[in-house]
Amino acid sequence: PYQLGGLSKRGIDCSGYVQRTFRDRLQIELPRTTALQSQLGIPVNRSQLQIGDLIFFKTGINKTHVGIYMGNNEFMHASTSRGVITSKLDNIYWRNKYWKAKRVIR
């Protein structure tokens, strides 16, 4: 399918969603991939999360996922099968996949 920076006819992937959101809403340019995004910013303890922090998950062997913390233990992310959704960090699936969080400073 047609692809453009994480966008395709099927929708947007997680890192493409994060990249576009930061660019369009905050005028912050982020790299395209989850791996590169995970290297940015400063580490944040899970108990110190703030709205806008990037949250990273290990979802499989050499597979990662990224979302944006929204407060109230929730994060927004893109699923290639379900589109952009909000999930709870304490959901059993995400709780067990949590990897790290980063705060991107302008």
PDB file of N, CA and C in Angstrom:
ATOM      1  N   PRO A   1       0.823  -1.208   0.000  1.00  0.00           N
ATOM      2  CA  PRO A   1       0.000   0.000   0.000  1.00  0.00           C
ATOM      3  C   PRO A   1       0.860   1.262   0.000  1.00  0.00           C
ATOM      4  N   TYR A   2       0.248   2.350  -0.360  1.00  0.00           N
ATOM      5  CA  TYR A   2       0.894   3.658  -0.368  1.00  0.00           C
ATOM      6  C   TYR A   2       1.341   4.014   1.045  1.00  0.00           C
ATOM      7  N   GLN A   3       2.576   4.439   1.190  1.00  0.00           N
ATOM      8  CA  GLN A   3       3.093   4.801   2.516  1.00  0.00           C
ATOM      9  C   GLN A   3       3.754   6.171   2.472  1.00  0.00           C
ATOM     10  N   LEU A   4       3.563   6.933   3.511  1.00  0.00           N
ATOM     11  CA  LEU A   4       4.209   8.234   3.640  1.00  0.00           C
ATOM     12  C   LEU A   4       4.437   8.498   5.116  1.00  0.00           C
ATOM     13  N   GLY A   5       5.656   8.285   5.568  1.00  0.00           N
ATOM     14  CA  GLY A   5       6.001   8.605   6.955  1.00  0.00           C
ATOM     15  C   GLY A   5       5.076   8.004   7.986  1.00  0.00           C
ATOM     16  N   GLY A   6       4.783   6.715   7.861  1.00  0.00           N
ATOM     17  CA  GLY A   6       3.932   6.077   8.850  1.00  0.00           C
ATOM     18  C   GLY A   6       2.459   6.152   8.523  1.00  0.00           C
ATOM     19  N   LEU A   7       2.140   6.776   7.399  1.00  0.00           N
ATOM     20  CA  LEU A   7       0.744   6.875   6.986  1.00  0.00           C
ATOM     21  C   LEU A   7       0.528   5.972   5.785  1.00  0.00           C
ATOM     22  N   SER A   8      -0.588   5.331   5.737  1.00  0.00           N
ATOM     23  CA  SER A   8      -0.919   4.522   4.570  1.00  0.00           C
ATOM     24  C   SER A   8      -2.426   4.565   4.395  1.00  0.00           C
ATOM     25  N   LYS A   9      -2.908   3.925   3.379  1.00  0.00           N
ATOM     26  CA  LYS A   9      -4.356   3.843   3.184  1.00  0.00           C
ATOM     27  C   LYS A   9      -5.022   3.123   4.341  1.00  0.00           C
ATOM     28  N   ARG A  10      -4.263   2.302   5.064  1.00  0.00           N
ATOM     29  CA  ARG A  10      -4.809   1.583   6.216  1.00  0.00           C
ATOM     30  C   ARG A  10      -4.828   2.439   7.471  1.00  0.00           C
ATOM     31  N   GLY A  11      -4.180   3.588   7.475  1.00  0.00           N
ATOM     32  CA  GLY A  11      -4.163   4.428   8.661  1.00  0.00           C
ATOM     33  C   GLY A  11      -2.753   4.856   9.017  1.00  0.00           C
ATOM     34  N   ILE A  12      -2.522   5.012  10.299  1.00  0.00           N
ATOM     35  CA  ILE A  12      -1.247   5.530  10.796  1.00  0.00           C
ATOM     36  C   ILE A  12      -0.716   4.566  11.847  1.00  0.00           C
ATOM     37  N   ASP A  13       0.601   4.413  11.904  1.00  0.00           N
ATOM     38  CA  ASP A  13       1.156   3.555  12.949  1.00  0.00           C
ATOM     39  C   ASP A  13       1.494   4.398  14.176  1.00  0.00           C
ATOM     40  N   CYS A  14       1.919   3.742  15.249  1.00  0.00           N
ATOM     41  CA  CYS A  14       2.093   4.428  16.533  1.00  0.00           C
ATOM     42  C   CYS A  14       3.121   5.553  16.466  1.00  0.00           C
ATOM     43  N   SER A  15       4.286   5.281  15.889  1.00  0.00           N
ATOM     44  CA  SER A  15       5.324   6.319  15.861  1.00  0.00           C
ATOM     45  C   SER A  15       4.969   7.439  14.883  1.00  0.00           C
ATOM     46  N   GLY A  16       4.269   7.106  13.810  1.00  0.00           N
ATOM     47  CA  GLY A  16       3.796   8.137  12.886  1.00  0.00           C
ATOM     48  C   GLY A  16       2.780   9.044  13.553  1.00  0.00           C
ATOM     49  N   TYR A  17       1.895   8.462  14.362  1.00  0.00           N
ATOM     50  CA  TYR A  17       0.915   9.251  15.110  1.00  0.00           C
ATOM     51  C   TYR A  17       1.615  10.201  16.087  1.00  0.00           C
ATOM     52  N   VAL A  18       2.584   9.680  16.835  1.00  0.00           N
ATOM     53  CA  VAL A  18       3.312  10.514  17.802  1.00  0.00           C
ATOM     54  C   VAL A  18       4.073  11.624  17.065  1.00  0.00           C
ATOM     55  N   GLN A  19       4.752  11.269  15.987  1.00  0.00           N
ATOM     56  CA  GLN A  19       5.511  12.267  15.221  1.00  0.00           C
ATOM     57  C   GLN A  19       4.590  13.379  14.715  1.00  0.00           C
ATOM     58  N   ARG A  20       3.478  13.007  14.125  1.00  0.00           N
ATOM     59  CA  ARG A  20       2.549  14.002  13.564  1.00  0.00           C
ATOM     60  C   ARG A  20       1.916  14.855  14.663  1.00  0.00           C
ATOM     61  N   THR A  21       1.542  14.239  15.781  1.00  0.00           N
ATOM     62  CA  THR A  21       0.923  14.979  16.881  1.00  0.00           C
ATOM     63  C   THR A  21       1.888  16.016  17.446  1.00  0.00           C
ATOM     64  N   PHE A  22       3.133  15.630  17.692  1.00  0.00           N
ATOM     65  CA  PHE A  22       4.113  16.573  18.232  1.00  0.00           C
ATOM     66  C   PHE A  22       4.400  17.695  17.240  1.00  0.00           C
ATOM     67  N   ARG A  23       4.471  17.369  15.967  1.00  0.00           N
ATOM     68  CA  ARG A  23       4.732  18.392  14.958  1.00  0.00           C
ATOM     69  C   ARG A  23       3.544  19.355  14.836  1.00  0.00           C
ATOM     70  N   ASP A  24       2.334  18.802  14.704  1.00  0.00           N
ATOM     71  CA  ASP A  24       1.161  19.635  14.443  1.00  0.00           C
ATOM     72  C   ASP A  24       0.688  20.402  15.672  1.00  0.00           C
ATOM     73  N   ARG A  25       0.798  19.808  16.837  1.00  0.00           N
ATOM     74  CA  ARG A  25       0.260  20.440  18.056  1.00  0.00           C
ATOM     75  C   ARG A  25       1.298  21.216  18.850  1.00  0.00           C
ATOM     76  N   LEU A  26       2.549  20.774  18.799  1.00  0.00           N
ATOM     77  CA  LEU A  26       3.571  21.387  19.642  1.00  0.00           C
ATOM     78  C   LEU A  26       4.730  22.000  18.860  1.00  0.00           C
ATOM     79  N   GLN A  27       4.700  21.858  17.535  1.00  0.00           N
ATOM     80  CA  GLN A  27       5.789  22.332  16.680  1.00  0.00           C
ATOM     81  C   GLN A  27       7.138  21.753  17.104  1.00  0.00           C
ATOM     82  N   ILE A  28       7.122  20.488  17.496  1.00  0.00           N
ATOM     83  CA  ILE A  28       8.337  19.760  17.868  1.00  0.00           C
ATOM     84  C   ILE A  28       8.528  18.643  16.853  1.00  0.00           C
ATOM     85  N   GLU A  29       9.701  18.630  16.218  1.00  0.00           N
ATOM     86  CA  GLU A  29      10.004  17.579  15.243  1.00  0.00           C
ATOM     87  C   GLU A  29      10.612  16.373  15.960  1.00  0.00           C
ATOM     88  N   LEU A  30      10.011  15.222  15.767  1.00  0.00           N
ATOM     89  CA  LEU A  30      10.511  13.975  16.329  1.00  0.00           C
ATOM     90  C   LEU A  30      10.925  13.058  15.186  1.00  0.00           C
ATOM     91  N   PRO A  31      11.830  12.118  15.472  1.00  0.00           N
ATOM     92  CA  PRO A  31      12.180  11.133  14.447  1.00  0.00           C
ATOM     93  C   PRO A  31      10.971  10.261  14.098  1.00  0.00           C
ATOM     94  N   ARG A  32      11.089   9.517  13.033  1.00  0.00           N
ATOM     95  CA  ARG A  32       9.981   8.736  12.501  1.00  0.00           C
ATOM     96  C   ARG A  32       9.715   7.423  13.251  1.00  0.00           C
ATOM     97  N   THR A  33      10.741   6.782  13.786  1.00  0.00           N
ATOM     98  CA  THR A  33      10.548   5.440  14.350  1.00  0.00           C
ATOM     99  C   THR A  33      10.468   5.443  15.873  1.00  0.00           C
ATOM    100  N   THR A  34       9.822   4.423  16.401  1.00  0.00           N
ATOM    101  CA  THR A  34       9.742   4.255  17.854  1.00  0.00           C
ATOM    102  C   THR A  34      11.138   4.111  18.447  1.00  0.00           C
ATOM    103  N   ALA A  35      12.012   3.364  17.780  1.00  0.00           N
ATOM    104  CA  ALA A  35      13.377   3.163  18.293  1.00  0.00           C
ATOM    105  C   ALA A  35      14.092   4.502  18.458  1.00  0.00           C
ATOM    106  N   LEU A  36      14.005   5.368  17.466  1.00  0.00           N
ATOM    107  CA  LEU A  36      14.670   6.676  17.563  1.00  0.00           C
ATOM    108  C   LEU A  36      13.958   7.584  18.562  1.00  0.00           C
ATOM    109  N   GLN A  37      12.632   7.544  18.600  1.00  0.00           N
ATOM    110  CA  GLN A  37      11.890   8.362  19.562  1.00  0.00           C
ATOM    111  C   GLN A  37      12.246   7.973  20.993  1.00  0.00           C
ATOM    112  N   SER A  38      12.512   6.694  21.222  1.00  0.00           N
ATOM    113  CA  SER A  38      12.810   6.227  22.583  1.00  0.00           C
ATOM    114  C   SER A  38      14.165   6.716  23.083  1.00  0.00           C
ATOM    115  N   GLN A  39      14.995   7.237  22.193  1.00  0.00           N
ATOM    116  CA  GLN A  39      16.314   7.738  22.570  1.00  0.00           C
ATOM    117  C   GLN A  39      16.286   9.224  22.926  1.00  0.00           C
ATOM    118  N   LEU A  40      15.162   9.891  22.692  1.00  0.00           N
ATOM    119  CA  LEU A  40      15.050  11.332  22.949  1.00  0.00           C
ATOM    120  C   LEU A  40      14.699  11.626  24.400  1.00  0.00           C
ATOM    121  N   GLY A  41      14.878  12.884  24.765  1.00  0.00           N
ATOM    122  CA  GLY A  41      14.358  13.373  26.026  1.00  0.00           C
ATOM    123  C   GLY A  41      15.039  12.813  27.260  1.00  0.00           C
ATOM    124  N   ILE A  42      14.378  13.054  28.387  1.00  0.00           N
ATOM    125  CA  ILE A  42      14.917  12.608  29.665  1.00  0.00           C
ATOM    126  C   ILE A  42      14.033  11.492  30.226  1.00  0.00           C
ATOM    127  N   PRO A  43      14.641  10.505  30.879  1.00  0.00           N
ATOM    128  CA  PRO A  43      13.854   9.410  31.460  1.00  0.00           C
ATOM    129  C   PRO A  43      12.904   9.926  32.539  1.00  0.00           C
ATOM    130  N   VAL A  44      11.725   9.336  32.594  1.00  0.00           N
ATOM    131  CA  VAL A  44      10.716   9.707  33.576  1.00  0.00           C
ATOM    132  C   VAL A  44      10.274   8.448  34.304  1.00  0.00           C
ATOM    133  N   ASN A  45      10.291   8.508  35.633  1.00  0.00           N
ATOM    134  CA  ASN A  45       9.775   7.403  36.423  1.00  0.00           C
ATOM    135  C   ASN A  45       8.272   7.281  36.193  1.00  0.00           C
ATOM    136  N   ARG A  46       7.787   6.073  36.149  1.00  0.00           N
ATOM    137  CA  ARG A  46       6.365   5.847  35.888  1.00  0.00           C
ATOM    138  C   ARG A  46       5.463   6.612  36.852  1.00  0.00           C
ATOM    139  N   SER A  47       5.910   6.763  38.084  1.00  0.00           N
ATOM    140  CA  SER A  47       5.100   7.477  39.084  1.00  0.00           C
ATOM    141  C   SER A  47       5.142   8.991  38.896  1.00  0.00           C
ATOM    142  N   GLN A  48       6.009   9.473  38.012  1.00  0.00           N
ATOM    143  CA  GLN A  48       6.167  10.918  37.782  1.00  0.00           C
ATOM    144  C   GLN A  48       5.677  11.362  36.405  1.00  0.00           C
ATOM    145  N   LEU A  49       4.887  10.529  35.741  1.00  0.00           N
ATOM    146  CA  LEU A  49       4.412  10.864  34.397  1.00  0.00           C
ATOM    147  C   LEU A  49       3.604  12.154  34.377  1.00  0.00           C
ATOM    148  N   GLN A  50       3.824  12.931  33.318  1.00  0.00           N
ATOM    149  CA  GLN A  50       3.066  14.165  33.089  1.00  0.00           C
ATOM    150  C   GLN A  50       2.435  14.092  31.703  1.00  0.00           C
ATOM    151  N   ILE A  51       1.357  14.832  31.527  1.00  0.00           N
ATOM    152  CA  ILE A  51       0.690  14.886  30.231  1.00  0.00           C
ATOM    153  C   ILE A  51       1.710  15.249  29.158  1.00  0.00           C
ATOM    154  N   GLY A  52       1.707  14.492  28.077  1.00  0.00           N
ATOM    155  CA  GLY A  52       2.621  14.737  26.963  1.00  0.00           C
ATOM    156  C   GLY A  52       3.870  13.877  26.969  1.00  0.00           C
ATOM    157  N   ASP A  53       4.137  13.171  28.074  1.00  0.00           N
ATOM    158  CA  ASP A  53       5.293  12.279  28.098  1.00  0.00           C
ATOM    159  C   ASP A  53       5.066  11.131  27.111  1.00  0.00           C
ATOM    160  N   LEU A  54       6.152  10.659  26.534  1.00  0.00           N
ATOM    161  CA  LEU A  54       6.082   9.505  25.645  1.00  0.00           C
ATOM    162  C   LEU A  54       6.224   8.242  26.474  1.00  0.00           C
ATOM    163  N   ILE A  55       5.366   7.267  26.203  1.00  0.00           N
ATOM    164  CA  ILE A  55       5.388   6.006  26.924  1.00  0.00           C
ATOM    165  C   ILE A  55       5.712   4.902  25.929  1.00  0.00           C
ATOM    166  N   PHE A  56       6.675   4.068  26.292  1.00  0.00           N
ATOM    167  CA  PHE A  56       7.145   3.014  25.389  1.00  0.00           C
ATOM    168  C   PHE A  56       6.860   1.642  25.976  1.00  0.00           C
ATOM    169  N   PHE A  57       6.543   0.718  25.077  1.00  0.00           N
ATOM    170  CA  PHE A  57       6.207  -0.650  25.445  1.00  0.00           C
ATOM    171  C   PHE A  57       7.003  -1.612  24.578  1.00  0.00           C
ATOM    172  N   LYS A  58       7.342  -2.749  25.151  1.00  0.00           N
ATOM    173  CA  LYS A  58       7.930  -3.847  24.372  1.00  0.00           C
ATOM    174  C   LYS A  58       6.808  -4.843  24.132  1.00  0.00           C
ATOM    175  N   THR A  59       6.397  -4.955  22.873  1.00  0.00           N
ATOM    176  CA  THR A  59       5.219  -5.753  22.544  1.00  0.00           C
ATOM    177  C   THR A  59       5.557  -7.093  21.913  1.00  0.00           C
ATOM    178  N   GLY A  60       6.835  -7.355  21.722  1.00  0.00           N
ATOM    179  CA  GLY A  60       7.247  -8.621  21.140  1.00  0.00           C
ATOM    180  C   GLY A  60       8.751  -8.623  20.963  1.00  0.00           C
ATOM    181  N   ILE A  61       9.261  -9.688  20.385  1.00  0.00           N
ATOM    182  CA  ILE A  61      10.696  -9.746  20.135  1.00  0.00           C
ATOM    183  C   ILE A  61      11.038  -8.674  19.105  1.00  0.00           C
ATOM    184  N   ASN A  62      11.873  -7.733  19.509  1.00  0.00           N
ATOM    185  CA  ASN A  62      12.279  -6.615  18.639  1.00  0.00           C
ATOM    186  C   ASN A  62      11.103  -5.787  18.153  1.00  0.00           C
ATOM    187  N   LYS A  63      10.002  -5.754  18.903  1.00  0.00           N
ATOM    188  CA  LYS A  63       8.845  -4.926  18.544  1.00  0.00           C
ATOM    189  C   LYS A  63       8.550  -3.986  19.708  1.00  0.00           C
ATOM    190  N   THR A  64       8.384  -2.716  19.364  1.00  0.00           N
ATOM    191  CA  THR A  64       8.068  -1.719  20.383  1.00  0.00           C
ATOM    192  C   THR A  64       6.838  -0.920  19.951  1.00  0.00           C
ATOM    193  N   HIS A  65       6.274  -0.212  20.919  1.00  0.00           N
ATOM    194  CA  HIS A  65       5.069   0.585  20.691  1.00  0.00           C
ATOM    195  C   HIS A  65       5.229   1.871  21.490  1.00  0.00           C
ATOM    196  N   VAL A  66       4.664   2.970  20.990  1.00  0.00           N
ATOM    197  CA  VAL A  66       4.762   4.251  21.684  1.00  0.00           C
ATOM    198  C   VAL A  66       3.389   4.919  21.735  1.00  0.00           C
ATOM    199  N   GLY A  67       3.163   5.634  22.832  1.00  0.00           N
ATOM    200  CA  GLY A  67       1.945   6.411  22.998  1.00  0.00           C
ATOM    201  C   GLY A  67       2.259   7.691  23.747  1.00  0.00           C
ATOM    202  N   ILE A  68       1.264   8.552  23.868  1.00  0.00           N
ATOM    203  CA  ILE A  68       1.407   9.847  24.547  1.00  0.00           C
ATOM    204  C   ILE A  68       0.553   9.819  25.812  1.00  0.00           C
ATOM    205  N   TYR A  69       1.191  10.098  26.951  1.00  0.00           N
ATOM    206  CA  TYR A  69       0.476  10.086  28.224  1.00  0.00           C
ATOM    207  C   TYR A  69      -0.522  11.240  28.277  1.00  0.00           C
ATOM    208  N   MET A  70      -1.760  10.929  28.690  1.00  0.00           N
ATOM    209  CA  MET A  70      -2.839  11.913  28.710  1.00  0.00           C
ATOM    210  C   MET A  70      -3.280  12.294  30.126  1.00  0.00           C
ATOM    211  N   GLY A  71      -2.637  11.749  31.146  1.00  0.00           N
ATOM    212  CA  GLY A  71      -3.086  11.974  32.517  1.00  0.00           C
ATOM    213  C   GLY A  71      -4.084  10.895  32.919  1.00  0.00           C
ATOM    214  N   ASN A  72      -4.421  10.837  34.187  1.00  0.00           N
ATOM    215  CA  ASN A  72      -5.406   9.874  34.689  1.00  0.00           C
ATOM    216  C   ASN A  72      -5.072   8.432  34.327  1.00  0.00           C
ATOM    217  N   ASN A  73      -3.782   8.115  34.250  1.00  0.00           N
ATOM    218  CA  ASN A  73      -3.346   6.751  33.957  1.00  0.00           C
ATOM    219  C   ASN A  73      -3.742   6.291  32.548  1.00  0.00           C
ATOM    220  N   GLU A  74      -3.972   7.258  31.629  1.00  0.00           N
ATOM    221  CA  GLU A  74      -4.375   6.930  30.271  1.00  0.00           C
ATOM    222  C   GLU A  74      -3.349   7.439  29.268  1.00  0.00           C
ATOM    223  N   PHE A  75      -3.268   6.754  28.139  1.00  0.00           N
ATOM    224  CA  PHE A  75      -2.410   7.211  27.060  1.00  0.00           C
ATOM    225  C   PHE A  75      -3.130   7.036  25.728  1.00  0.00           C
ATOM    226  N   MET A  76      -2.749   7.877  24.778  1.00  0.00           N
ATOM    227  CA  MET A  76      -3.321   7.847  23.445  1.00  0.00           C
ATOM    228  C   MET A  76      -2.281   7.251  22.514  1.00  0.00           C
ATOM    229  N   HIS A  77      -2.732   6.395  21.625  1.00  0.00           N
ATOM    230  CA  HIS A  77      -1.795   5.736  20.713  1.00  0.00           C
ATOM    231  C   HIS A  77      -2.549   5.270  19.480  1.00  0.00           C
ATOM    232  N   ALA A  78      -1.791   4.908  18.467  1.00  0.00           N
ATOM    233  CA  ALA A  78      -2.394   4.433  17.224  1.00  0.00           C
ATOM    234  C   ALA A  78      -2.179   2.941  17.089  1.00  0.00           C
ATOM    235  N   SER A  79      -3.246   2.271  16.782  1.00  0.00           N
ATOM    236  CA  SER A  79      -3.218   0.845  16.494  1.00  0.00           C
ATOM    237  C   SER A  79      -3.464   0.688  14.996  1.00  0.00           C
ATOM    238  N   THR A  80      -2.639  -0.097  14.330  1.00  0.00           N
ATOM    239  CA  THR A  80      -2.839  -0.267  12.887  1.00  0.00           C
ATOM    240  C   THR A  80      -4.169  -0.962  12.593  1.00  0.00           C
ATOM    241  N   SER A  81      -4.717  -1.671  13.567  1.00  0.00           N
ATOM    242  CA  SER A  81      -5.996  -2.347  13.336  1.00  0.00           C
ATOM    243  C   SER A  81      -7.197  -1.548  13.835  1.00  0.00           C
ATOM    244  N   ARG A  82      -7.004  -0.709  14.860  1.00  0.00           N
ATOM    245  CA  ARG A  82      -8.149  -0.009  15.471  1.00  0.00           C
ATOM    246  C   ARG A  82      -8.092   1.501  15.347  1.00  0.00           C
ATOM    247  N   GLY A  83      -7.044   2.049  14.761  1.00  0.00           N
ATOM    248  CA  GLY A  83      -6.929   3.503  14.647  1.00  0.00           C
ATOM    249  C   GLY A  83      -6.401   4.119  15.930  1.00  0.00           C
ATOM    250  N   VAL A  84      -6.628   5.418  16.106  1.00  0.00           N
ATOM    251  CA  VAL A  84      -6.156   6.127  17.290  1.00  0.00           C
ATOM    252  C   VAL A  84      -7.131   5.863  18.430  1.00  0.00           C
ATOM    253  N   ILE A  85      -6.573   5.367  19.533  1.00  0.00           N
ATOM    254  CA  ILE A  85      -7.402   4.986  20.679  1.00  0.00           C
ATOM    255  C   ILE A  85      -6.754   5.456  21.979  1.00  0.00           C
ATOM    256  N   THR A  86      -7.537   5.444  23.036  1.00  0.00           N
ATOM    257  CA  THR A  86      -7.051   5.723  24.386  1.00  0.00           C
ATOM    258  C   THR A  86      -7.090   4.409  25.172  1.00  0.00           C
ATOM    259  N   SER A  87      -6.026   4.150  25.920  1.00  0.00           N
ATOM    260  CA  SER A  87      -5.954   2.937  26.741  1.00  0.00           C
ATOM    261  C   SER A  87      -5.483   3.304  28.137  1.00  0.00           C
ATOM    262  N   LYS A  88      -5.761   2.418  29.074  1.00  0.00           N
ATOM    263  CA  LYS A  88      -5.316   2.579  30.460  1.00  0.00           C
ATOM    264  C   LYS A  88      -3.951   1.915  30.640  1.00  0.00           C
ATOM    265  N   LEU A  89      -3.045   2.604  31.341  1.00  0.00           N
ATOM    266  CA  LEU A  89      -1.730   2.027  31.621  1.00  0.00           C
ATOM    267  C   LEU A  89      -1.833   0.775  32.488  1.00  0.00           C
ATOM    268  N   ASP A  90      -2.859   0.693  33.320  1.00  0.00           N
ATOM    269  CA  ASP A  90      -2.978  -0.462  34.189  1.00  0.00           C
ATOM    270  C   ASP A  90      -3.787  -1.599  33.560  1.00  0.00           C
ATOM    271  N   ASN A  91      -4.179  -1.433  32.294  1.00  0.00           N
ATOM    272  CA  ASN A  91      -4.774  -2.540  31.552  1.00  0.00           C
ATOM    273  C   ASN A  91      -3.775  -3.697  31.585  1.00  0.00           C
ATOM    274  N   ILE A  92      -4.244  -4.910  31.779  1.00  0.00           N
ATOM    275  CA  ILE A  92      -3.322  -6.038  31.972  1.00  0.00           C
ATOM    276  C   ILE A  92      -2.342  -6.195  30.813  1.00  0.00           C
ATOM    277  N   TYR A  93      -2.790  -5.957  29.598  1.00  0.00           N
ATOM    278  CA  TYR A  93      -1.890  -6.095  28.447  1.00  0.00           C
ATOM    279  C   TYR A  93      -0.780  -5.048  28.510  1.00  0.00           C
ATOM    280  N   TRP A  94      -1.152  -3.771  28.655  1.00  0.00           N
ATOM    281  CA  TRP A  94      -0.153  -2.700  28.636  1.00  0.00           C
ATOM    282  C   TRP A  94       0.716  -2.705  29.884  1.00  0.00           C
ATOM    283  N   ARG A  95       0.143  -3.027  31.033  1.00  0.00           N
ATOM    284  CA  ARG A  95       0.910  -3.067  32.280  1.00  0.00           C
ATOM    285  C   ARG A  95       2.078  -4.043  32.161  1.00  0.00           C
ATOM    286  N   ASN A  96       1.836  -5.161  31.514  1.00  0.00           N
ATOM    287  CA  ASN A  96       2.875  -6.180  31.377  1.00  0.00           C
ATOM    288  C   ASN A  96       3.867  -5.886  30.260  1.00  0.00           C
ATOM    289  N   LYS A  97       3.575  -4.922  29.412  1.00  0.00           N
ATOM    290  CA  LYS A  97       4.456  -4.598  28.285  1.00  0.00           C
ATOM    291  C   LYS A  97       5.231  -3.290  28.517  1.00  0.00           C
ATOM    292  N   TYR A  98       4.900  -2.553  29.585  1.00  0.00           N
ATOM    293  CA  TYR A  98       5.533  -1.260  29.847  1.00  0.00           C
ATOM    294  C   TYR A  98       7.058  -1.380  29.831  1.00  0.00           C
ATOM    295  N   TRP A  99       7.710  -0.437  29.151  1.00  0.00           N
ATOM    296  CA  TRP A  99       9.174  -0.440  29.049  1.00  0.00           C
ATOM    297  C   TRP A  99       9.752   0.782  29.735  1.00  0.00           C
ATOM    298  N   LYS A 100       9.402   1.978  29.256  1.00  0.00           N
ATOM    299  CA  LYS A 100       9.963   3.199  29.836  1.00  0.00           C
ATOM    300  C   LYS A 100       9.147   4.400  29.368  1.00  0.00           C
ATOM    301  N   ALA A 101       9.461   5.557  29.956  1.00  0.00           N
ATOM    302  CA  ALA A 101       8.832   6.814  29.559  1.00  0.00           C
ATOM    303  C   ALA A 101       9.907   7.872  29.398  1.00  0.00           C
ATOM    304  N   LYS A 102       9.648   8.803  28.494  1.00  0.00           N
ATOM    305  CA  LYS A 102      10.587   9.906  28.229  1.00  0.00           C
ATOM    306  C   LYS A 102       9.821  11.214  28.136  1.00  0.00           C
ATOM    307  N   ARG A 103      10.450  12.281  28.603  1.00  0.00           N
ATOM    308  CA  ARG A 103       9.902  13.624  28.482  1.00  0.00           C
ATOM    309  C   ARG A 103      10.721  14.392  27.449  1.00  0.00           C
ATOM    310  N   VAL A 104      10.039  14.846  26.414  1.00  0.00           N
ATOM    311  CA  VAL A 104      10.707  15.594  25.346  1.00  0.00           C
ATOM    312  C   VAL A 104      10.679  17.060  25.728  1.00  0.00           C
ATOM    313  N   ILE A 105      11.869  17.649  25.810  1.00  0.00           N
ATOM    314  CA  ILE A 105      12.011  19.064  26.167  1.00  0.00           C
ATOM    315  C   ILE A 105      12.285  19.850  24.888  1.00  0.00           C
ATOM    316  N   ARG A 106      11.624  20.980  24.760  1.00  0.00           N
ATOM    317  CA  ARG A 106      11.842  21.836  23.573  1.00  0.00           C
ATOM    318  C   ARG A 106      13.252  22.359  23.541  1.00  0.00           C
TER     319      ARG A 106
END
